[in-house]
Amino acid sequence: MGILKKEKDVIVRITTRTDGEQFVTEARGEYARDGEIHYVAFTEYGGNAITRSGLHAAKDKLFLHRTGAVNSDMLFDPEADTRAEYENGGMKTAFVVHTRRYSIDVQPGKISIALEYSLYEGTDLFAAPFSLDIEIIDA
């Protein structure tokens, strides 16, 4: 793979559901594609906190890289549990990521990603299961 060239500006909308609550974040970003892999770079702002994020979405798995206020690399793969490290505010921990469901739907002007996963610390469930809907929309 060579250097990716930005194809277009996008809006990234992430709806997170966990433990009966729902959170929606939205950010502007840039989109590129290499074959069947979709790349999106975006920046999240929360108060004084800035986190730069990158999504690599393939047909069978999703990789999320975050750096800044939050640092983590998470691979969501329904075929295998993966290990992730997460750092926020100086606290660093490692998790096992169990992806229960991942799907991607690519349409003109919009990519929709559905993701359900749980995080485990050792063999113990770390938090309530998560459900994410990620929309990548032409800006």
N, C-alpha and C. Protein backbone atom coordinates (compact mmCIF):
# COMPACT_ATOMS: atom_id res chain seq x y z
N MET A 1 0.84 -1.17 0.00
CA MET A 1 0.00 0.00 0.00
C MET A 1 0.89 1.24 0.00
N GLY A 2 0.61 2.15 -0.89
CA GLY A 2 1.33 3.40 -0.93
C GLY A 2 0.67 4.44 -0.03
N ILE A 3 1.03 5.67 -0.24
CA ILE A 3 0.43 6.75 0.53
C ILE A 3 -1.00 6.96 0.03
N LEU A 4 -1.93 7.01 0.98
CA LEU A 4 -3.32 7.21 0.62
C LEU A 4 -3.58 8.68 0.33
N LYS A 5 -4.42 8.93 -0.66
CA LYS A 5 -4.80 10.28 -1.00
C LYS A 5 -6.25 10.51 -0.58
N LYS A 6 -6.48 11.60 0.13
CA LYS A 6 -7.83 11.94 0.55
C LYS A 6 -8.74 12.02 -0.67
N GLU A 7 -9.88 11.35 -0.57
CA GLU A 7 -10.87 11.39 -1.65
C GLU A 7 -11.94 12.44 -1.40
N LYS A 8 -12.31 12.61 -0.12
CA LYS A 8 -13.38 13.56 0.18
C LYS A 8 -13.44 13.86 1.68
N ASP A 9 -14.14 14.94 2.00
CA ASP A 9 -14.44 15.28 3.39
C ASP A 9 -15.71 14.54 3.79
N VAL A 10 -15.76 14.14 5.06
CA VAL A 10 -16.91 13.40 5.56
C VAL A 10 -17.31 13.90 6.95
N ILE A 11 -18.48 13.52 7.35
CA ILE A 11 -18.95 13.70 8.72
C ILE A 11 -19.04 12.31 9.33
N VAL A 12 -18.49 12.16 10.52
CA VAL A 12 -18.52 10.89 11.24
C VAL A 12 -19.45 11.06 12.44
N ARG A 13 -20.50 10.25 12.47
CA ARG A 13 -21.46 10.28 13.58
C ARG A 13 -21.44 8.92 14.25
N ILE A 14 -21.11 8.92 15.55
CA ILE A 14 -21.03 7.67 16.30
C ILE A 14 -22.07 7.69 17.41
N THR A 15 -22.97 6.72 17.37
CA THR A 15 -23.97 6.56 18.42
C THR A 15 -23.56 5.36 19.26
N THR A 16 -23.27 5.61 20.53
CA THR A 16 -22.83 4.57 21.45
C THR A 16 -23.94 4.28 22.44
N ARG A 17 -24.25 3.01 22.63
CA ARG A 17 -25.23 2.59 23.62
C ARG A 17 -24.55 1.62 24.58
N THR A 18 -24.71 1.90 25.88
CA THR A 18 -24.19 1.01 26.91
C THR A 18 -24.94 1.24 28.21
N ASP A 19 -25.25 0.18 28.90
CA ASP A 19 -25.88 0.24 30.22
C ASP A 19 -27.12 1.14 30.23
N GLY A 20 -27.93 1.05 29.17
CA GLY A 20 -29.18 1.81 29.11
C GLY A 20 -29.02 3.27 28.73
N GLU A 21 -27.81 3.71 28.43
CA GLU A 21 -27.58 5.11 28.05
C GLU A 21 -27.13 5.18 26.60
N GLN A 22 -27.34 6.35 26.00
CA GLN A 22 -26.94 6.57 24.61
C GLN A 22 -26.17 7.88 24.51
N PHE A 23 -25.06 7.85 23.77
CA PHE A 23 -24.23 9.03 23.55
C PHE A 23 -24.00 9.17 22.05
N VAL A 24 -24.08 10.40 21.56
CA VAL A 24 -23.83 10.66 20.15
C VAL A 24 -22.69 11.66 20.04
N THR A 25 -21.68 11.30 19.23
CA THR A 25 -20.60 12.24 18.94
C THR A 25 -20.55 12.43 17.43
N GLU A 26 -20.13 13.62 17.04
CA GLU A 26 -20.05 13.92 15.61
C GLU A 26 -18.78 14.71 15.37
N ALA A 27 -18.11 14.40 14.28
CA ALA A 27 -16.86 15.08 13.94
C ALA A 27 -16.72 15.15 12.43
N ARG A 28 -15.97 16.11 11.98
CA ARG A 28 -15.62 16.22 10.57
C ARG A 28 -14.34 15.42 10.35
N GLY A 29 -14.22 14.83 9.16
CA GLY A 29 -13.04 14.03 8.90
C GLY A 29 -12.74 13.93 7.42
N GLU A 30 -11.77 13.06 7.12
CA GLU A 30 -11.34 12.83 5.75
C GLU A 30 -11.43 11.35 5.44
N TYR A 31 -11.77 11.05 4.19
CA TYR A 31 -11.99 9.67 3.76
C TYR A 31 -11.03 9.33 2.62
N ALA A 32 -10.53 8.09 2.67
CA ALA A 32 -9.74 7.53 1.57
C ALA A 32 -10.08 6.04 1.49
N ARG A 33 -9.77 5.44 0.37
CA ARG A 33 -10.05 4.02 0.19
C ARG A 33 -8.87 3.36 -0.51
N ASP A 34 -8.59 2.13 -0.10
CA ASP A 34 -7.58 1.31 -0.75
C ASP A 34 -8.23 -0.05 -0.98
N GLY A 35 -8.67 -0.28 -2.21
CA GLY A 35 -9.39 -1.52 -2.49
C GLY A 35 -10.71 -1.54 -1.74
N GLU A 36 -10.90 -2.57 -0.93
CA GLU A 36 -12.14 -2.69 -0.16
C GLU A 36 -12.00 -2.20 1.28
N ILE A 37 -10.89 -1.55 1.61
CA ILE A 37 -10.70 -1.02 2.95
C ILE A 37 -10.97 0.49 2.92
N HIS A 38 -11.81 0.93 3.85
CA HIS A 38 -12.20 2.33 3.95
C HIS A 38 -11.44 2.95 5.13
N TYR A 39 -10.79 4.08 4.88
CA TYR A 39 -10.01 4.77 5.90
C TYR A 39 -10.66 6.12 6.20
N VAL A 40 -10.84 6.41 7.48
CA VAL A 40 -11.41 7.68 7.89
C VAL A 40 -10.57 8.23 9.03
N ALA A 41 -10.13 9.48 8.89
CA ALA A 41 -9.41 10.18 9.96
C ALA A 41 -10.29 11.32 10.43
N PHE A 42 -10.43 11.46 11.75
CA PHE A 42 -11.25 12.53 12.30
C PHE A 42 -10.73 12.92 13.67
N THR A 43 -11.13 14.10 14.13
CA THR A 43 -10.70 14.62 15.42
C THR A 43 -11.92 14.89 16.29
N GLU A 44 -11.88 14.38 17.51
CA GLU A 44 -12.96 14.58 18.47
C GLU A 44 -12.54 15.64 19.48
N TYR A 45 -13.44 16.58 19.76
CA TYR A 45 -13.18 17.64 20.73
C TYR A 45 -14.16 17.49 21.88
N GLY A 46 -13.65 17.50 23.10
CA GLY A 46 -14.51 17.42 24.28
C GLY A 46 -13.95 18.31 25.36
N GLY A 47 -14.49 19.54 25.48
CA GLY A 47 -13.92 20.50 26.42
C GLY A 47 -12.51 20.86 25.99
N ASN A 48 -11.54 20.64 26.86
CA ASN A 48 -10.13 20.89 26.52
C ASN A 48 -9.45 19.65 25.96
N ALA A 49 -10.19 18.56 25.82
CA ALA A 49 -9.61 17.29 25.37
C ALA A 49 -9.75 17.14 23.86
N ILE A 50 -8.65 16.74 23.23
CA ILE A 50 -8.63 16.50 21.79
C ILE A 50 -8.13 15.09 21.56
N THR A 51 -8.88 14.32 20.77
CA THR A 51 -8.47 12.96 20.42
C THR A 51 -8.53 12.81 18.91
N ARG A 52 -7.42 12.43 18.32
CA ARG A 52 -7.37 12.14 16.89
C ARG A 52 -7.65 10.66 16.70
N SER A 53 -8.55 10.35 15.77
CA SER A 53 -8.96 8.97 15.59
C SER A 53 -8.86 8.56 14.14
N GLY A 54 -8.62 7.28 13.92
CA GLY A 54 -8.59 6.72 12.59
C GLY A 54 -9.32 5.39 12.56
N LEU A 55 -10.20 5.23 11.59
CA LEU A 55 -10.92 3.97 11.38
C LEU A 55 -10.39 3.30 10.12
N HIS A 56 -10.17 2.01 10.19
CA HIS A 56 -9.84 1.20 9.03
C HIS A 56 -10.94 0.14 8.97
N ALA A 57 -11.89 0.32 8.08
CA ALA A 57 -13.05 -0.57 8.02
C ALA A 57 -12.96 -1.47 6.80
N ALA A 58 -12.83 -2.76 7.06
CA ALA A 58 -12.84 -3.77 6.00
C ALA A 58 -14.18 -4.50 6.07
N LYS A 59 -14.42 -5.41 5.14
CA LYS A 59 -15.71 -6.10 5.13
C LYS A 59 -15.86 -7.05 6.32
N ASP A 60 -14.76 -7.51 6.91
CA ASP A 60 -14.85 -8.49 7.98
C ASP A 60 -14.36 -8.03 9.35
N LYS A 61 -13.74 -6.85 9.43
CA LYS A 61 -13.24 -6.36 10.72
C LYS A 61 -12.99 -4.86 10.68
N LEU A 62 -12.89 -4.28 11.87
CA LEU A 62 -12.69 -2.84 12.02
C LEU A 62 -11.53 -2.59 12.97
N PHE A 63 -10.64 -1.68 12.59
CA PHE A 63 -9.54 -1.27 13.45
C PHE A 63 -9.76 0.19 13.81
N LEU A 64 -9.67 0.52 15.10
CA LEU A 64 -9.82 1.89 15.58
C LEU A 64 -8.55 2.30 16.31
N HIS A 65 -7.93 3.38 15.85
CA HIS A 65 -6.73 3.93 16.47
C HIS A 65 -7.08 5.31 17.02
N ARG A 66 -6.74 5.57 18.29
CA ARG A 66 -7.02 6.86 18.90
C ARG A 66 -5.76 7.35 19.61
N THR A 67 -5.52 8.67 19.51
CA THR A 67 -4.37 9.25 20.20
C THR A 67 -4.72 10.67 20.63
N GLY A 68 -4.22 11.04 21.80
CA GLY A 68 -4.51 12.36 22.35
C GLY A 68 -5.01 12.21 23.77
N ALA A 69 -6.20 12.77 24.05
CA ALA A 69 -6.78 12.64 25.39
C ALA A 69 -7.02 11.17 25.73
N VAL A 70 -7.33 10.38 24.72
CA VAL A 70 -7.50 8.93 24.86
C VAL A 70 -6.52 8.28 23.89
N ASN A 71 -5.81 7.26 24.37
CA ASN A 71 -4.91 6.49 23.51
C ASN A 71 -5.36 5.04 23.53
N SER A 72 -5.61 4.50 22.34
CA SER A 72 -5.97 3.09 22.27
C SER A 72 -5.88 2.60 20.84
N ASP A 73 -5.68 1.32 20.71
CA ASP A 73 -5.76 0.60 19.45
C ASP A 73 -6.67 -0.59 19.70
N MET A 74 -7.78 -0.65 18.97
CA MET A 74 -8.73 -1.73 19.17
C MET A 74 -9.07 -2.36 17.83
N LEU A 75 -8.97 -3.68 17.78
CA LEU A 75 -9.36 -4.44 16.60
C LEU A 75 -10.64 -5.20 16.93
N PHE A 76 -11.68 -4.94 16.14
CA PHE A 76 -12.96 -5.61 16.31
C PHE A 76 -13.07 -6.67 15.23
N ASP A 77 -12.98 -7.94 15.64
CA ASP A 77 -12.96 -9.07 14.72
C ASP A 77 -13.92 -10.14 15.25
N PRO A 78 -15.05 -10.36 14.59
CA PRO A 78 -15.99 -11.36 15.08
C PRO A 78 -15.44 -12.78 15.10
N GLU A 79 -14.36 -13.02 14.38
CA GLU A 79 -13.78 -14.37 14.30
C GLU A 79 -12.83 -14.69 15.45
N ALA A 80 -12.35 -13.66 16.18
CA ALA A 80 -11.37 -13.92 17.24
C ALA A 80 -11.36 -12.78 18.25
N ASP A 81 -11.21 -13.13 19.53
CA ASP A 81 -11.02 -12.10 20.54
C ASP A 81 -9.66 -11.45 20.32
N THR A 82 -9.56 -10.16 20.63
CA THR A 82 -8.31 -9.43 20.44
C THR A 82 -7.95 -8.72 21.73
N ARG A 83 -6.72 -8.28 21.83
CA ARG A 83 -6.23 -7.57 23.01
C ARG A 83 -6.10 -6.09 22.66
N ALA A 84 -6.49 -5.23 23.60
CA ALA A 84 -6.40 -3.79 23.39
C ALA A 84 -5.84 -3.12 24.63
N GLU A 85 -5.04 -2.11 24.42
CA GLU A 85 -4.57 -1.27 25.52
C GLU A 85 -5.27 0.06 25.42
N TYR A 86 -5.61 0.62 26.58
CA TYR A 86 -6.39 1.85 26.64
C TYR A 86 -5.75 2.75 27.69
N GLU A 87 -5.54 4.02 27.35
CA GLU A 87 -4.96 4.98 28.29
C GLU A 87 -5.79 6.25 28.25
N ASN A 88 -6.17 6.70 29.45
CA ASN A 88 -6.96 7.92 29.58
C ASN A 88 -6.56 8.59 30.88
N GLY A 89 -6.09 9.82 30.80
CA GLY A 89 -5.73 10.55 32.01
C GLY A 89 -4.64 9.90 32.83
N GLY A 90 -3.70 9.25 32.19
CA GLY A 90 -2.60 8.61 32.90
C GLY A 90 -2.91 7.21 33.38
N MET A 91 -4.17 6.79 33.33
CA MET A 91 -4.54 5.43 33.72
C MET A 91 -4.45 4.54 32.49
N LYS A 92 -3.66 3.48 32.60
CA LYS A 92 -3.48 2.56 31.48
C LYS A 92 -3.95 1.17 31.89
N THR A 93 -4.71 0.55 31.01
CA THR A 93 -5.19 -0.80 31.28
C THR A 93 -5.27 -1.58 29.98
N ALA A 94 -5.35 -2.89 30.09
CA ALA A 94 -5.46 -3.75 28.92
C ALA A 94 -6.76 -4.53 29.01
N PHE A 95 -7.37 -4.75 27.86
CA PHE A 95 -8.64 -5.46 27.77
C PHE A 95 -8.56 -6.56 26.73
N VAL A 96 -9.48 -7.49 26.85
CA VAL A 96 -9.77 -8.42 25.77
C VAL A 96 -11.06 -7.91 25.13
N VAL A 97 -11.05 -7.77 23.82
CA VAL A 97 -12.21 -7.29 23.08
C VAL A 97 -12.90 -8.49 22.45
N HIS A 98 -14.16 -8.70 22.83
CA HIS A 98 -14.97 -9.78 22.25
C HIS A 98 -16.03 -9.13 21.36
N THR A 99 -15.87 -9.26 20.06
CA THR A 99 -16.80 -8.67 19.09
C THR A 99 -17.92 -9.66 18.83
N ARG A 100 -19.13 -9.26 19.18
CA ARG A 100 -20.29 -10.13 18.97
C ARG A 100 -20.89 -9.94 17.58
N ARG A 101 -20.81 -8.70 17.06
CA ARG A 101 -21.40 -8.44 15.75
C ARG A 101 -20.67 -7.27 15.11
N TYR A 102 -20.40 -7.41 13.82
CA TYR A 102 -19.81 -6.34 13.02
C TYR A 102 -20.38 -6.44 11.62
N SER A 103 -20.88 -5.33 11.11
CA SER A 103 -21.33 -5.31 9.72
C SER A 103 -21.05 -3.93 9.14
N ILE A 104 -20.85 -3.90 7.84
CA ILE A 104 -20.60 -2.66 7.13
C ILE A 104 -21.47 -2.65 5.88
N ASP A 105 -22.11 -1.52 5.65
CA ASP A 105 -22.97 -1.33 4.48
C ASP A 105 -22.48 -0.08 3.75
N VAL A 106 -22.00 -0.26 2.54
CA VAL A 106 -21.44 0.84 1.76
C VAL A 106 -22.44 1.23 0.68
N GLN A 107 -22.89 2.46 0.74
CA GLN A 107 -23.82 3.02 -0.24
C GLN A 107 -23.22 4.32 -0.76
N PRO A 108 -23.66 4.80 -1.91
CA PRO A 108 -23.15 6.09 -2.40
C PRO A 108 -23.44 7.20 -1.38
N GLY A 109 -22.40 7.89 -0.95
CA GLY A 109 -22.54 9.00 -0.02
C GLY A 109 -22.64 8.63 1.44
N LYS A 110 -22.66 7.33 1.77
CA LYS A 110 -22.81 6.94 3.17
C LYS A 110 -22.30 5.53 3.42
N ILE A 111 -21.56 5.38 4.50
CA ILE A 111 -21.12 4.07 4.98
C ILE A 111 -21.71 3.90 6.38
N SER A 112 -22.39 2.79 6.60
CA SER A 112 -22.98 2.50 7.91
C SER A 112 -22.30 1.27 8.50
N ILE A 113 -21.85 1.41 9.74
CA ILE A 113 -21.17 0.33 10.44
C ILE A 113 -21.95 0.04 11.72
N ALA A 114 -22.26 -1.23 11.97
CA ALA A 114 -22.90 -1.66 13.21
C ALA A 114 -21.92 -2.56 13.95
N LEU A 115 -21.76 -2.30 15.23
CA LEU A 115 -20.77 -3.01 16.03
C LEU A 115 -21.33 -3.28 17.41
N GLU A 116 -21.19 -4.50 17.87
CA GLU A 116 -21.54 -4.88 19.25
C GLU A 116 -20.35 -5.62 19.83
N TYR A 117 -19.93 -5.20 21.04
CA TYR A 117 -18.76 -5.84 21.64
C TYR A 117 -18.80 -5.72 23.16
N SER A 118 -17.97 -6.54 23.79
CA SER A 118 -17.78 -6.51 25.24
C SER A 118 -16.29 -6.43 25.52
N LEU A 119 -15.96 -5.83 26.66
CA LEU A 119 -14.57 -5.74 27.10
C LEU A 119 -14.39 -6.59 28.35
N TYR A 120 -13.33 -7.37 28.36
CA TYR A 120 -13.02 -8.23 29.50
C TYR A 120 -11.64 -7.87 30.03
N GLU A 121 -11.53 -7.88 31.35
CA GLU A 121 -10.24 -7.73 32.00
C GLU A 121 -9.94 -9.10 32.60
N GLY A 122 -9.02 -9.80 31.97
CA GLY A 122 -8.82 -11.21 32.32
C GLY A 122 -10.04 -11.98 31.83
N THR A 123 -10.72 -12.67 32.74
CA THR A 123 -11.94 -13.39 32.38
C THR A 123 -13.20 -12.66 32.87
N ASP A 124 -13.02 -11.52 33.50
CA ASP A 124 -14.15 -10.77 34.07
C ASP A 124 -14.64 -9.71 33.10
N LEU A 125 -15.96 -9.62 32.95
CA LEU A 125 -16.56 -8.56 32.14
C LEU A 125 -16.20 -7.23 32.78
N PHE A 126 -15.60 -6.33 32.02
CA PHE A 126 -15.12 -5.06 32.57
C PHE A 126 -16.23 -4.02 32.66
N ALA A 127 -17.10 -3.97 31.67
CA ALA A 127 -18.17 -2.97 31.62
C ALA A 127 -19.36 -3.58 30.92
N ALA A 128 -20.47 -2.88 30.97
CA ALA A 128 -21.66 -3.34 30.25
C ALA A 128 -21.32 -3.45 28.77
N PRO A 129 -21.96 -4.37 28.05
CA PRO A 129 -21.70 -4.49 26.61
C PRO A 129 -21.97 -3.18 25.88
N PHE A 130 -21.26 -2.97 24.78
CA PHE A 130 -21.38 -1.76 23.97
C PHE A 130 -22.03 -2.08 22.64
N SER A 131 -22.78 -1.12 22.13
CA SER A 131 -23.35 -1.18 20.80
C SER A 131 -23.04 0.16 20.14
N LEU A 132 -22.44 0.12 18.96
CA LEU A 132 -22.10 1.35 18.23
C LEU A 132 -22.69 1.32 16.84
N ASP A 133 -23.23 2.46 16.44
CA ASP A 133 -23.61 2.70 15.06
C ASP A 133 -22.73 3.83 14.56
N ILE A 134 -21.96 3.57 13.54
CA ILE A 134 -21.05 4.57 12.98
C ILE A 134 -21.54 4.92 11.58
N GLU A 135 -21.78 6.20 11.35
CA GLU A 135 -22.20 6.67 10.02
C GLU A 135 -21.10 7.57 9.49
N ILE A 136 -20.67 7.30 8.28
CA ILE A 136 -19.69 8.12 7.59
C ILE A 136 -20.41 8.70 6.38
N ILE A 137 -20.65 10.00 6.42
CA ILE A 137 -21.52 10.67 5.44
C ILE A 137 -20.72 11.70 4.69
N ASP A 138 -20.92 11.77 3.38
CA ASP A 138 -20.27 12.82 2.59
C ASP A 138 -20.61 14.19 3.18
N ALA A 139 -19.58 15.03 3.34
CA ALA A 139 -19.80 16.38 3.89
C ALA A 139 -20.28 17.33 2.80
